[in-house]
């Protein structure tokens, strides 16, 4: 992969980086967790130099500030950046059960099928998040009440 502007990488702080960040925070009264040599932080590539292996990065620190790391190359030692490691996707039982598929968004009850959810007037917004219907007389979400003993 090529480190083009806008890509996210992991930057490993050097001792000099950490000292400068901590000093800048102390001088400016910025609150944030202390930076240490070897700490990894996410960073965005803001500039590459074409054929040159060096890039400029905005490092997102654990606080309200960021750090401008200039002319950094890819590597494993402090003061360099790496690509984020690949994370294997995991599958849960709920992801494979037909009766609950499509209802695994944050806030959605896992024991209610999509058909039951729709019958209750619930919807999913544009981003796919579960949006419970509300009772017009009360501001409480509707709950599914089985009509037949076989649904209990």
N, C-alpha and C. Protein backbone atom coordinates (compact mmCIF):
# COMPACT_ATOMS: atom_id res chain seq x y z
N UNK A 1 0.84 -1.18 0.00
CA UNK A 1 0.00 0.00 0.00
C UNK A 1 0.88 1.24 0.00
N UNK A 2 0.32 2.29 -0.51
CA UNK A 2 1.03 3.56 -0.55
C UNK A 2 0.44 4.50 0.49
N UNK A 3 1.30 5.18 1.20
CA UNK A 3 0.86 6.13 2.24
C UNK A 3 0.46 7.45 1.58
N UNK A 4 -0.81 7.53 1.19
CA UNK A 4 -1.32 8.73 0.55
C UNK A 4 -2.09 9.57 1.56
N UNK A 5 -2.21 10.88 1.31
CA UNK A 5 -2.92 11.75 2.27
C UNK A 5 -4.31 11.23 2.58
N UNK A 6 -4.63 11.23 3.88
CA UNK A 6 -5.93 10.78 4.36
C UNK A 6 -5.91 9.38 4.92
N UNK A 7 -4.86 8.61 4.65
CA UNK A 7 -4.78 7.24 5.18
C UNK A 7 -4.39 7.27 6.65
N UNK A 8 -4.92 6.31 7.39
CA UNK A 8 -4.62 6.18 8.81
C UNK A 8 -3.52 5.13 8.99
N UNK A 9 -2.52 5.49 9.78
CA UNK A 9 -1.41 4.60 10.11
C UNK A 9 -1.22 4.64 11.62
N UNK A 10 -0.32 3.81 12.14
CA UNK A 10 0.05 3.85 13.55
C UNK A 10 1.44 4.46 13.66
N UNK A 11 1.58 5.47 14.51
CA UNK A 11 2.87 6.11 14.71
C UNK A 11 3.41 5.74 16.08
N UNK A 12 4.68 5.38 16.14
CA UNK A 12 5.33 5.01 17.40
C UNK A 12 6.20 6.18 17.86
N UNK A 13 5.86 6.73 19.02
CA UNK A 13 6.59 7.89 19.55
C UNK A 13 8.02 7.54 19.89
N UNK A 14 8.91 8.48 19.61
CA UNK A 14 10.30 8.37 20.06
C UNK A 14 10.40 9.08 21.41
N UNK A 15 11.52 8.94 22.07
CA UNK A 15 11.74 9.62 23.34
C UNK A 15 11.66 11.14 23.15
N UNK A 16 12.24 11.64 22.05
CA UNK A 16 12.20 13.08 21.76
C UNK A 16 10.77 13.55 21.50
N UNK A 17 9.96 12.74 20.77
CA UNK A 17 8.56 13.09 20.52
C UNK A 17 7.81 13.22 21.84
N UNK A 18 7.96 12.19 22.70
CA UNK A 18 7.25 12.18 23.98
C UNK A 18 7.64 13.37 24.84
N UNK A 19 8.92 13.69 24.89
CA UNK A 19 9.39 14.82 25.70
C UNK A 19 8.79 16.13 25.18
N UNK A 20 8.77 16.31 23.85
CA UNK A 20 8.21 17.53 23.27
C UNK A 20 6.71 17.64 23.52
N UNK A 21 5.99 16.53 23.36
CA UNK A 21 4.55 16.53 23.60
C UNK A 21 4.26 16.89 25.05
N UNK A 22 4.94 16.24 25.99
CA UNK A 22 4.71 16.50 27.41
C UNK A 22 5.07 17.93 27.77
N UNK A 23 6.16 18.47 27.19
CA UNK A 23 6.56 19.85 27.47
C UNK A 23 5.54 20.83 26.90
N UNK A 24 5.08 20.58 25.67
CA UNK A 24 4.07 21.46 25.06
C UNK A 24 2.78 21.46 25.89
N UNK A 25 2.42 20.31 26.42
CA UNK A 25 1.21 20.23 27.25
C UNK A 25 1.40 21.01 28.54
N UNK A 26 2.56 20.88 29.15
CA UNK A 26 2.83 21.60 30.40
C UNK A 26 2.84 23.11 30.17
N UNK A 27 3.49 23.54 29.08
CA UNK A 27 3.58 24.97 28.78
C UNK A 27 2.23 25.58 28.42
N UNK A 28 1.41 24.81 27.71
CA UNK A 28 0.12 25.33 27.25
C UNK A 28 -1.05 25.00 28.15
N UNK A 29 -0.81 24.26 29.23
CA UNK A 29 -1.89 23.90 30.14
C UNK A 29 -2.86 22.89 29.54
N UNK A 30 -2.42 22.14 28.55
CA UNK A 30 -3.27 21.14 27.91
C UNK A 30 -3.32 19.89 28.77
N UNK A 31 -4.51 19.38 28.98
CA UNK A 31 -4.68 18.16 29.76
C UNK A 31 -4.70 16.98 28.80
N UNK A 32 -3.96 15.95 29.16
CA UNK A 32 -3.92 14.73 28.37
C UNK A 32 -3.04 13.72 29.08
N UNK A 33 -3.23 12.45 28.77
CA UNK A 33 -2.39 11.44 29.38
C UNK A 33 -0.96 11.59 28.90
N UNK A 34 -0.02 11.31 29.79
CA UNK A 34 1.40 11.47 29.48
C UNK A 34 1.80 10.60 28.29
N UNK A 35 2.66 11.15 27.45
CA UNK A 35 3.20 10.42 26.30
C UNK A 35 4.52 9.79 26.71
N UNK A 36 4.79 8.58 26.19
CA UNK A 36 6.01 7.84 26.54
C UNK A 36 6.67 7.30 25.28
N UNK A 37 7.97 7.14 25.36
CA UNK A 37 8.75 6.53 24.29
C UNK A 37 8.17 5.15 23.97
N UNK A 38 7.91 4.90 22.70
CA UNK A 38 7.38 3.60 22.28
C UNK A 38 5.88 3.50 22.21
N UNK A 39 5.15 4.51 22.72
CA UNK A 39 3.69 4.49 22.64
C UNK A 39 3.24 4.57 21.18
N UNK A 40 2.20 3.82 20.84
CA UNK A 40 1.60 3.87 19.50
C UNK A 40 0.35 4.73 19.55
N UNK A 41 0.19 5.57 18.52
CA UNK A 41 -1.02 6.39 18.38
C UNK A 41 -1.46 6.36 16.92
N UNK A 42 -2.77 6.49 16.68
CA UNK A 42 -3.22 6.60 15.30
C UNK A 42 -2.76 7.93 14.72
N UNK A 43 -2.46 7.92 13.44
CA UNK A 43 -2.01 9.14 12.78
C UNK A 43 -2.55 9.16 11.36
N UNK A 44 -2.78 10.35 10.85
CA UNK A 44 -3.24 10.50 9.47
C UNK A 44 -2.10 11.05 8.63
N UNK A 45 -1.91 10.44 7.47
CA UNK A 45 -0.92 10.95 6.53
C UNK A 45 -1.48 12.26 5.97
N UNK A 46 -0.72 13.34 6.10
CA UNK A 46 -1.18 14.63 5.58
C UNK A 46 -0.39 15.06 4.34
N UNK A 47 0.79 14.44 4.16
CA UNK A 47 1.57 14.76 2.96
C UNK A 47 2.58 13.65 2.69
N UNK A 48 2.69 13.30 1.42
CA UNK A 48 3.78 12.42 1.02
C UNK A 48 4.59 13.17 -0.03
N UNK A 49 5.77 12.70 -0.26
CA UNK A 49 6.67 13.43 -1.15
C UNK A 49 6.96 12.65 -2.43
N UNK A 50 5.93 11.95 -2.93
CA UNK A 50 6.06 11.23 -4.19
C UNK A 50 6.99 10.05 -4.09
N UNK A 51 8.17 10.17 -4.64
CA UNK A 51 9.14 9.07 -4.67
C UNK A 51 9.86 8.90 -3.33
N UNK A 52 9.80 9.89 -2.49
CA UNK A 52 10.50 9.86 -1.20
C UNK A 52 9.76 8.93 -0.23
N UNK A 53 10.47 8.13 0.58
CA UNK A 53 9.78 7.23 1.51
C UNK A 53 9.26 7.94 2.76
N UNK A 54 9.44 9.25 2.86
CA UNK A 54 9.04 9.98 4.06
C UNK A 54 7.68 10.64 3.88
N UNK A 55 6.91 10.73 4.99
CA UNK A 55 5.60 11.38 4.99
C UNK A 55 5.49 12.29 6.21
N UNK A 56 4.57 13.23 6.14
CA UNK A 56 4.21 14.04 7.30
C UNK A 56 2.91 13.48 7.87
N UNK A 57 2.81 13.47 9.20
CA UNK A 57 1.66 12.88 9.89
C UNK A 57 1.08 13.84 10.91
N UNK A 58 -0.23 13.76 11.11
CA UNK A 58 -0.89 14.36 12.27
C UNK A 58 -1.20 13.20 13.19
N UNK A 59 -0.56 13.19 14.35
CA UNK A 59 -0.71 12.10 15.30
C UNK A 59 -1.81 12.47 16.29
N UNK A 60 -2.79 11.60 16.45
CA UNK A 60 -3.92 11.84 17.36
C UNK A 60 -3.54 11.32 18.74
N UNK A 61 -3.31 12.23 19.66
CA UNK A 61 -2.86 11.89 21.01
C UNK A 61 -4.03 11.58 21.92
N UNK A 62 -3.73 11.06 23.11
CA UNK A 62 -4.75 10.75 24.11
C UNK A 62 -5.03 12.02 24.90
N UNK A 63 -5.74 12.92 24.29
CA UNK A 63 -6.07 14.23 24.85
C UNK A 63 -6.64 15.08 23.73
N UNK A 64 -6.88 16.37 23.97
CA UNK A 64 -7.49 17.22 22.96
C UNK A 64 -6.52 17.75 21.91
N UNK A 65 -5.24 17.39 22.00
CA UNK A 65 -4.23 17.92 21.10
C UNK A 65 -3.75 16.86 20.11
N UNK A 66 -2.94 17.29 19.17
CA UNK A 66 -2.32 16.39 18.21
C UNK A 66 -0.85 16.77 18.07
N UNK A 67 -0.12 15.94 17.36
CA UNK A 67 1.32 16.16 17.19
C UNK A 67 1.65 16.06 15.71
N UNK A 68 2.39 17.03 15.21
CA UNK A 68 2.79 17.04 13.81
C UNK A 68 4.14 16.36 13.69
N UNK A 69 4.14 15.16 13.16
CA UNK A 69 5.37 14.39 12.99
C UNK A 69 5.80 14.54 11.53
N UNK A 70 6.91 15.23 11.31
CA UNK A 70 7.34 15.53 9.94
C UNK A 70 8.43 14.59 9.48
N UNK A 71 8.41 14.32 8.18
CA UNK A 71 9.43 13.52 7.51
C UNK A 71 9.71 12.21 8.22
N UNK A 72 8.66 11.39 8.37
CA UNK A 72 8.79 10.10 9.05
C UNK A 72 8.67 8.98 8.02
N UNK A 73 9.41 7.93 8.25
CA UNK A 73 9.41 6.79 7.33
C UNK A 73 8.72 5.59 7.99
N UNK A 74 8.39 4.62 7.18
CA UNK A 74 7.79 3.39 7.67
C UNK A 74 8.85 2.56 8.36
N UNK A 75 8.48 1.92 9.50
CA UNK A 75 9.43 1.08 10.22
C UNK A 75 8.82 0.56 11.51
N UNK A 76 9.64 -0.13 12.30
CA UNK A 76 9.17 -0.72 13.55
C UNK A 76 9.73 -0.05 14.79
N UNK A 77 10.69 0.82 14.63
CA UNK A 77 11.32 1.44 15.79
C UNK A 77 10.65 2.77 16.12
N UNK A 78 10.90 3.31 17.33
CA UNK A 78 10.33 4.60 17.70
C UNK A 78 10.67 5.68 16.66
N UNK A 79 9.69 6.56 16.41
CA UNK A 79 9.87 7.64 15.43
C UNK A 79 9.48 7.24 14.03
N UNK A 80 8.84 6.07 13.87
CA UNK A 80 8.40 5.60 12.55
C UNK A 80 6.93 5.22 12.60
N UNK A 81 6.36 4.96 11.44
CA UNK A 81 4.95 4.57 11.36
C UNK A 81 4.83 3.18 10.75
N UNK A 82 3.70 2.52 11.04
CA UNK A 82 3.38 1.21 10.47
C UNK A 82 1.91 1.20 10.06
N UNK A 83 1.57 0.26 9.21
CA UNK A 83 0.16 0.07 8.87
C UNK A 83 -0.52 -0.60 10.05
N UNK A 84 -1.78 -0.27 10.32
CA UNK A 84 -2.50 -0.96 11.41
C UNK A 84 -2.57 -2.45 11.13
N UNK A 85 -2.50 -3.27 12.17
CA UNK A 85 -2.60 -4.72 11.95
C UNK A 85 -3.99 -5.09 11.49
N UNK A 86 -4.07 -6.14 10.70
CA UNK A 86 -5.38 -6.64 10.26
C UNK A 86 -6.04 -7.34 11.42
N UNK A 87 -7.33 -7.12 11.57
CA UNK A 87 -8.11 -7.74 12.63
C UNK A 87 -9.09 -8.70 11.98
N UNK A 88 -9.04 -9.94 12.40
CA UNK A 88 -9.95 -10.94 11.86
C UNK A 88 -11.37 -10.67 12.36
N UNK A 89 -12.33 -10.76 11.46
CA UNK A 89 -13.74 -10.59 11.84
C UNK A 89 -14.18 -11.81 12.63
N UNK A 90 -15.02 -11.58 13.61
CA UNK A 90 -15.57 -12.68 14.39
C UNK A 90 -17.06 -12.78 14.13
N UNK A 91 -17.58 -13.97 14.22
CA UNK A 91 -19.00 -14.21 14.01
C UNK A 91 -19.59 -14.72 15.31
N UNK A 92 -20.69 -14.12 15.73
CA UNK A 92 -21.37 -14.58 16.93
C UNK A 92 -22.55 -15.44 16.49
N UNK A 93 -23.10 -16.19 17.44
CA UNK A 93 -24.25 -17.03 17.14
C UNK A 93 -25.41 -16.20 16.63
N UNK A 94 -25.61 -15.00 17.20
CA UNK A 94 -26.72 -14.14 16.78
C UNK A 94 -26.57 -13.70 15.33
N UNK A 95 -25.31 -13.61 14.82
CA UNK A 95 -25.10 -13.22 13.44
C UNK A 95 -25.56 -14.28 12.45
N UNK A 96 -25.67 -15.51 12.89
CA UNK A 96 -26.02 -16.61 11.99
C UNK A 96 -27.41 -17.16 12.19
N UNK A 97 -28.15 -16.67 13.21
CA UNK A 97 -29.50 -17.16 13.45
C UNK A 97 -30.48 -16.36 12.59
N UNK A 98 -31.19 -17.01 11.65
CA UNK A 98 -32.09 -16.28 10.76
C UNK A 98 -33.13 -15.46 11.51
N UNK A 99 -33.58 -15.94 12.66
CA UNK A 99 -34.64 -15.21 13.36
C UNK A 99 -34.16 -13.91 13.99
N UNK A 100 -32.85 -13.73 14.16
CA UNK A 100 -32.37 -12.48 14.75
C UNK A 100 -31.51 -11.67 13.80
N UNK A 101 -31.22 -12.20 12.60
CA UNK A 101 -30.40 -11.43 11.66
C UNK A 101 -31.12 -10.15 11.30
N UNK A 102 -30.37 -9.07 11.22
CA UNK A 102 -30.96 -7.77 10.91
C UNK A 102 -31.41 -7.04 12.15
N UNK A 103 -31.36 -7.67 13.30
CA UNK A 103 -31.79 -7.03 14.53
C UNK A 103 -30.64 -6.94 15.52
N UNK A 104 -29.42 -6.91 15.02
CA UNK A 104 -28.26 -6.91 15.91
C UNK A 104 -27.65 -5.52 16.05
N UNK A 105 -28.37 -4.50 15.69
CA UNK A 105 -27.87 -3.13 15.83
C UNK A 105 -27.93 -2.70 17.29
N UNK A 106 -27.10 -1.73 17.68
CA UNK A 106 -27.11 -1.27 19.07
C UNK A 106 -28.52 -0.88 19.52
N UNK A 107 -28.94 -1.42 20.62
CA UNK A 107 -30.23 -1.08 21.19
C UNK A 107 -31.35 -2.01 20.78
N UNK A 108 -31.15 -2.81 19.75
CA UNK A 108 -32.21 -3.69 19.29
C UNK A 108 -32.30 -4.91 20.19
N UNK A 109 -33.52 -5.29 20.61
CA UNK A 109 -33.65 -6.50 21.41
C UNK A 109 -33.31 -7.72 20.56
N UNK A 110 -32.43 -8.57 21.06
CA UNK A 110 -31.95 -9.71 20.29
C UNK A 110 -32.99 -10.81 20.15
N UNK A 111 -34.00 -10.84 21.03
CA UNK A 111 -34.98 -11.92 20.99
C UNK A 111 -36.21 -11.57 20.17
N UNK A 112 -36.21 -10.46 19.47
CA UNK A 112 -37.34 -10.05 18.65
C UNK A 112 -36.92 -10.15 17.19
N UNK A 113 -37.72 -10.84 16.40
CA UNK A 113 -37.40 -11.01 14.98
C UNK A 113 -37.66 -9.70 14.24
N UNK A 114 -37.06 -9.52 13.05
CA UNK A 114 -37.32 -8.32 12.28
C UNK A 114 -38.81 -8.11 11.98
N UNK A 115 -39.56 -9.21 11.73
CA UNK A 115 -41.00 -9.08 11.46
C UNK A 115 -41.74 -8.57 12.70
N UNK A 116 -41.38 -9.11 13.86
CA UNK A 116 -42.01 -8.65 15.10
C UNK A 116 -41.65 -7.19 15.35
N UNK A 117 -40.40 -6.83 15.10
CA UNK A 117 -39.96 -5.46 15.30
C UNK A 117 -40.75 -4.50 14.41
N UNK A 118 -40.93 -4.90 13.13
CA UNK A 118 -41.68 -4.06 12.20
C UNK A 118 -43.13 -3.95 12.62
N UNK A 119 -43.71 -5.04 13.16
CA UNK A 119 -45.09 -5.02 13.62
C UNK A 119 -45.26 -4.06 14.80
N UNK A 120 -44.19 -3.86 15.54
CA UNK A 120 -44.23 -2.93 16.67
C UNK A 120 -44.05 -1.49 16.21
N UNK A 121 -43.76 -1.29 14.91
CA UNK A 121 -43.58 0.06 14.38
C UNK A 121 -42.14 0.54 14.47
N UNK A 122 -41.23 -0.34 14.84
CA UNK A 122 -39.82 0.04 14.94
C UNK A 122 -39.21 0.15 13.55
N UNK A 123 -38.20 0.96 13.43
CA UNK A 123 -37.52 1.14 12.15
C UNK A 123 -36.01 1.14 12.37
N UNK A 124 -35.28 1.22 11.29
CA UNK A 124 -33.83 1.41 11.34
C UNK A 124 -33.55 2.69 10.57
N UNK A 125 -32.67 3.53 11.11
CA UNK A 125 -32.39 4.79 10.44
C UNK A 125 -31.46 4.57 9.25
N UNK A 126 -31.08 5.67 8.59
CA UNK A 126 -30.26 5.59 7.38
C UNK A 126 -28.95 4.86 7.62
N UNK A 127 -28.36 5.03 8.80
CA UNK A 127 -27.10 4.38 9.12
C UNK A 127 -27.31 2.92 9.52
N UNK A 128 -28.57 2.46 9.61
CA UNK A 128 -28.83 1.08 9.95
C UNK A 128 -29.02 0.82 11.43
N UNK A 129 -29.11 1.88 12.24
CA UNK A 129 -29.27 1.70 13.68
C UNK A 129 -30.74 1.54 14.04
N UNK A 130 -31.01 0.69 14.99
CA UNK A 130 -32.34 0.40 15.49
C UNK A 130 -32.95 1.65 16.11
N UNK A 131 -34.17 1.98 15.71
CA UNK A 131 -34.89 3.13 16.26
C UNK A 131 -36.23 2.62 16.79
N UNK A 132 -36.39 2.52 18.12
CA UNK A 132 -37.66 2.01 18.65
C UNK A 132 -38.80 2.99 18.43
N UNK A 133 -39.98 2.44 18.19
CA UNK A 133 -41.17 3.27 18.08
C UNK A 133 -41.56 3.73 19.48
N UNK A 134 -42.21 4.88 19.57
CA UNK A 134 -42.66 5.35 20.87
C UNK A 134 -44.16 5.46 20.87
N UNK A 135 -44.75 5.27 22.02
CA UNK A 135 -46.18 5.39 22.20
C UNK A 135 -46.52 6.87 22.21
N UNK A 136 -47.57 7.26 21.49
CA UNK A 136 -47.94 8.68 21.40
C UNK A 136 -48.34 9.25 22.75
N UNK A 137 -48.87 8.42 23.64
CA UNK A 137 -49.31 8.92 24.94
C UNK A 137 -48.19 8.88 25.97
N UNK A 138 -47.20 8.06 25.73
CA UNK A 138 -46.08 7.95 26.66
C UNK A 138 -44.79 8.05 25.88
N UNK A 139 -43.73 8.45 26.51
CA UNK A 139 -42.44 8.51 25.85
C UNK A 139 -41.63 7.24 26.09
N UNK A 140 -42.29 6.13 26.26
CA UNK A 140 -41.60 4.86 26.49
C UNK A 140 -41.66 4.03 25.21
N UNK A 141 -40.59 3.30 24.90
CA UNK A 141 -40.62 2.45 23.71
C UNK A 141 -41.68 1.37 23.84
N UNK A 142 -42.29 0.99 22.71
CA UNK A 142 -43.25 -0.10 22.69
C UNK A 142 -42.50 -1.41 22.93
N UNK A 143 -43.17 -2.35 23.52
CA UNK A 143 -42.58 -3.67 23.71
C UNK A 143 -43.45 -4.69 23.01
N UNK A 144 -42.86 -5.74 22.54
CA UNK A 144 -43.59 -6.77 21.82
C UNK A 144 -44.31 -7.66 22.81
N UNK A 145 -45.61 -7.82 22.60
CA UNK A 145 -46.41 -8.72 23.41
C UNK A 145 -46.95 -9.81 22.50
N UNK A 146 -46.50 -11.06 22.70
CA UNK A 146 -47.00 -12.15 21.84
C UNK A 146 -48.51 -12.26 21.94
N UNK A 147 -49.17 -12.48 20.81
CA UNK A 147 -50.61 -12.61 20.78
C UNK A 147 -51.05 -14.04 21.08
N UNK A 148 -50.20 -15.00 20.75
CA UNK A 148 -50.54 -16.40 20.93
C UNK A 148 -49.54 -17.06 21.85
N UNK A 149 -50.00 -18.06 22.56
CA UNK A 149 -49.12 -18.79 23.48
C UNK A 149 -47.94 -19.40 22.73
N UNK A 150 -48.14 -19.75 21.45
CA UNK A 150 -47.05 -20.38 20.67
C UNK A 150 -45.89 -19.41 20.42
N UNK A 151 -46.16 -18.11 20.53
CA UNK A 151 -45.10 -17.11 20.32
C UNK A 151 -44.35 -16.79 21.59
N UNK A 152 -44.80 -17.34 22.73
CA UNK A 152 -44.15 -17.03 24.01
C UNK A 152 -42.97 -17.90 24.25
